[in-house]
Amino acid sequence: MDYIGEDLYFNLSCLNNHPKVKIIKNDGYVWFYNEKSFSNTNKSRGAKNDIDVVKLFDYLEKVTDYDDEYVKYFLKRYVTWYLIFLGENSTKKELKKQYQILNTYLRKKRILKVINPMSTKLKGERFKNRMAVLGLIVSEKLHVVDLFLGIIARQK
């Protein structure tokens, strides 16, 4: 497993392969600082040629069910947040390239329709996560993804 998305890989792997692992309601938060994590080693954010989200998704496909509606939603959410993360120091052109790569992958895997981000099925999902995913989905339906990418791109 490469260094990007290790938390997503671990969580989905556990949930799908270990029947005793369950999601519980917890108002607390357990945090572990990993100085080698992607978030902590890439202080100059922006598009990087050595980061391969498609490779992460290929790993995920081996440990989870891509037909599951929740998995589809969380893959779409990952794409959304990855683009926002890149947007801190990427041009719109770089974001568009990454979007096209990831969207092509999702289409190839038939991950086209996801749970509505405002659905009550998504228990515990934060409002800002719902709004970010909804923004990408709506921009895709209206064929204005360039506008969405332009909004999240911080560089001209």
Protein backbone atom coordinates (compact mmCIF):
# COMPACT_ATOMS: atom_id res chain seq x y z
CA MET A 1 0.00 0.00 0.00
CA ASP A 2 1.36 3.40 -0.95
CA TYR A 3 1.27 6.35 1.39
CA ILE A 4 -1.93 8.04 0.19
CA GLY A 5 -5.30 6.98 1.54
CA GLU A 6 -3.95 4.46 4.00
CA ASP A 7 -6.74 5.34 6.44
CA LEU A 8 -9.44 4.78 3.82
CA TYR A 9 -7.86 1.48 2.79
CA PHE A 10 -7.60 0.30 6.40
CA ASN A 11 -11.15 1.28 7.32
CA LEU A 12 -12.82 -0.28 4.29
CA SER A 13 -10.68 -3.40 4.56
CA CYS A 14 -11.64 -3.88 8.19
CA LEU A 15 -15.33 -3.20 7.66
CA ASN A 16 -15.62 -5.59 4.74
CA ASN A 17 -13.36 -8.43 5.85
CA HIS A 18 -13.82 -8.66 9.58
CA PRO A 19 -17.44 -9.33 10.63
CA LYS A 20 -16.74 -8.40 14.26
CA VAL A 21 -15.73 -4.85 13.32
CA LYS A 22 -18.68 -2.49 13.62
CA ILE A 23 -19.32 1.21 13.29
CA ILE A 24 -20.29 2.67 16.65
CA LYS A 25 -21.56 6.06 17.71
CA ASN A 26 -18.68 7.77 19.47
CA ASP A 27 -18.62 11.42 20.43
CA GLY A 28 -14.91 11.17 21.15
CA TYR A 29 -12.01 11.37 18.78
CA VAL A 30 -8.86 9.28 18.70
CA TRP A 31 -6.04 10.81 16.72
CA PHE A 32 -2.64 9.41 15.90
CA TYR A 33 0.00 11.69 14.45
CA ASN A 34 1.93 9.93 11.70
CA GLU A 35 4.84 12.08 10.58
CA LYS A 36 5.14 9.98 7.39
CA SER A 37 1.51 10.36 6.33
CA PHE A 38 0.61 12.07 3.07
CA SER A 39 -0.95 15.01 4.89
CA ASN A 40 2.15 15.63 6.99
CA THR A 41 4.80 15.13 4.31
CA ASN A 42 3.24 17.25 1.58
CA LYS A 43 3.32 20.70 3.09
CA SER A 44 3.47 22.22 -0.36
CA ARG A 45 0.18 20.90 -1.58
CA GLY A 46 -0.74 20.74 -5.19
CA ALA A 47 -0.69 18.19 -7.99
CA LYS A 48 2.15 15.71 -7.68
CA ASN A 49 3.16 13.25 -10.35
CA ASP A 50 4.07 10.54 -7.84
CA ILE A 51 0.62 10.43 -6.20
CA ASP A 52 -1.64 7.84 -7.74
CA VAL A 53 -5.20 7.81 -6.43
CA VAL A 54 -6.16 5.30 -9.14
CA LYS A 55 -3.64 2.90 -7.62
CA LEU A 56 -5.28 3.43 -4.22
CA PHE A 57 -8.70 2.72 -5.74
CA ASP A 58 -7.35 -0.47 -7.32
CA TYR A 59 -6.17 -1.59 -3.87
CA LEU A 60 -9.57 -0.72 -2.42
CA GLU A 61 -11.37 -2.76 -5.05
CA LYS A 62 -9.56 -5.85 -3.73
CA VAL A 63 -10.86 -5.39 -0.18
CA THR A 64 -14.33 -3.92 -0.63
CA ASP A 65 -17.50 -4.26 -2.67
CA TYR A 66 -17.70 -1.63 -5.39
CA ASP A 67 -21.40 -2.42 -5.79
CA ASP A 68 -22.13 -1.21 -2.26
CA GLU A 69 -23.87 2.18 -2.36
CA TYR A 70 -21.90 3.49 0.62
CA VAL A 71 -18.58 2.52 -0.93
CA LYS A 72 -19.58 4.33 -4.13
CA TYR A 73 -20.44 7.44 -2.13
CA PHE A 74 -17.18 7.39 -0.20
CA LEU A 75 -15.13 6.96 -3.38
CA LYS A 76 -16.89 10.01 -4.83
CA ARG A 77 -16.26 11.86 -1.57
CA TYR A 78 -12.59 10.91 -1.70
CA VAL A 79 -12.30 12.29 -5.23
CA THR A 80 -14.01 15.51 -4.11
CA TRP A 81 -11.74 16.04 -1.12
CA TYR A 82 -8.64 15.07 -3.05
CA LEU A 83 -9.43 17.77 -5.61
CA ILE A 84 -10.02 20.31 -2.84
CA PHE A 85 -6.74 19.29 -1.21
CA LEU A 86 -4.90 19.74 -4.52
CA GLY A 87 -6.64 23.04 -5.09
CA GLU A 88 -4.56 24.74 -2.43
CA ASN A 89 -1.59 25.01 -4.79
CA SER A 90 -2.75 23.77 -8.16
CA THR A 91 -3.86 25.48 -11.27
CA LYS A 92 -7.29 24.87 -12.72
CA LYS A 93 -5.58 23.01 -15.57
CA GLU A 94 -3.84 20.63 -13.14
CA LEU A 95 -7.09 20.04 -11.26
CA LYS A 96 -8.95 19.35 -14.48
CA LYS A 97 -6.35 16.73 -15.46
CA GLN A 98 -6.68 14.99 -12.08
CA TYR A 99 -10.49 15.19 -12.26
CA GLN A 100 -10.51 13.61 -15.72
CA ILE A 101 -8.25 10.75 -14.60
CA LEU A 102 -10.35 10.00 -11.52
CA ASN A 103 -13.71 10.48 -13.22
CA THR A 104 -12.63 8.14 -16.04
CA TYR A 105 -11.74 5.53 -13.41
CA LEU A 106 -15.10 5.87 -11.65
CA ARG A 107 -16.95 5.58 -14.96
CA LYS A 108 -14.92 2.54 -15.97
CA LYS A 109 -15.84 0.86 -12.69
CA ARG A 110 -19.50 1.87 -13.15
CA ILE A 111 -19.48 4.12 -10.12
CA LEU A 112 -21.76 6.65 -11.75
CA LYS A 113 -24.61 7.16 -9.33
CA VAL A 114 -24.02 7.64 -5.62
CA ILE A 115 -26.25 8.17 -2.62
CA ASN A 116 -27.59 11.70 -2.53
CA PRO A 117 -25.22 13.54 -0.19
CA MET A 118 -28.22 14.95 1.70
CA SER A 119 -29.73 11.48 2.29
CA THR A 120 -30.49 10.38 5.84
CA LYS A 121 -28.83 7.08 4.92
CA LEU A 122 -25.48 8.77 5.49
CA LYS A 123 -25.59 8.78 9.26
CA GLY A 124 -22.82 10.76 10.88
CA GLU A 125 -21.64 12.39 7.66
CA ARG A 126 -20.54 15.97 8.32
CA PHE A 127 -22.47 18.75 6.62
CA LYS A 128 -19.38 20.21 4.93
CA ASN A 129 -18.60 16.79 3.43
CA ARG A 130 -22.14 16.51 2.12
CA MET A 131 -21.98 20.00 0.60
CA ALA A 132 -18.62 19.41 -1.08
CA VAL A 133 -19.77 16.17 -2.72
CA LEU A 134 -23.08 17.77 -3.67
CA GLY A 135 -21.18 20.65 -5.29
CA LEU A 136 -19.21 18.27 -7.49
CA ILE A 137 -22.25 16.17 -8.39
CA VAL A 138 -24.37 19.21 -9.29
CA SER A 139 -21.54 20.72 -11.34
CA GLU A 140 -21.23 17.44 -13.24
CA LYS A 141 -24.97 17.28 -13.95
CA LEU A 142 -25.00 20.89 -15.13
CA HIS A 143 -21.80 20.35 -17.15
CA VAL A 144 -19.99 23.12 -15.27
CA VAL A 145 -17.19 21.10 -13.66
CA ASP A 146 -14.72 23.72 -14.92
CA LEU A 147 -16.51 26.27 -12.74
CA PHE A 148 -16.30 23.98 -9.69
CA LEU A 149 -12.58 23.38 -10.31
CA GLY A 150 -12.02 27.09 -10.82
CA ILE A 151 -13.60 27.82 -7.46
CA ILE A 152 -11.37 25.36 -5.60
CA ALA A 153 -8.16 26.26 -7.47
CA ARG A 154 -6.23 28.76 -5.37
CA GLN A 155 -3.72 29.73 -8.07
CA LYS A 156 -4.56 31.59 -11.23
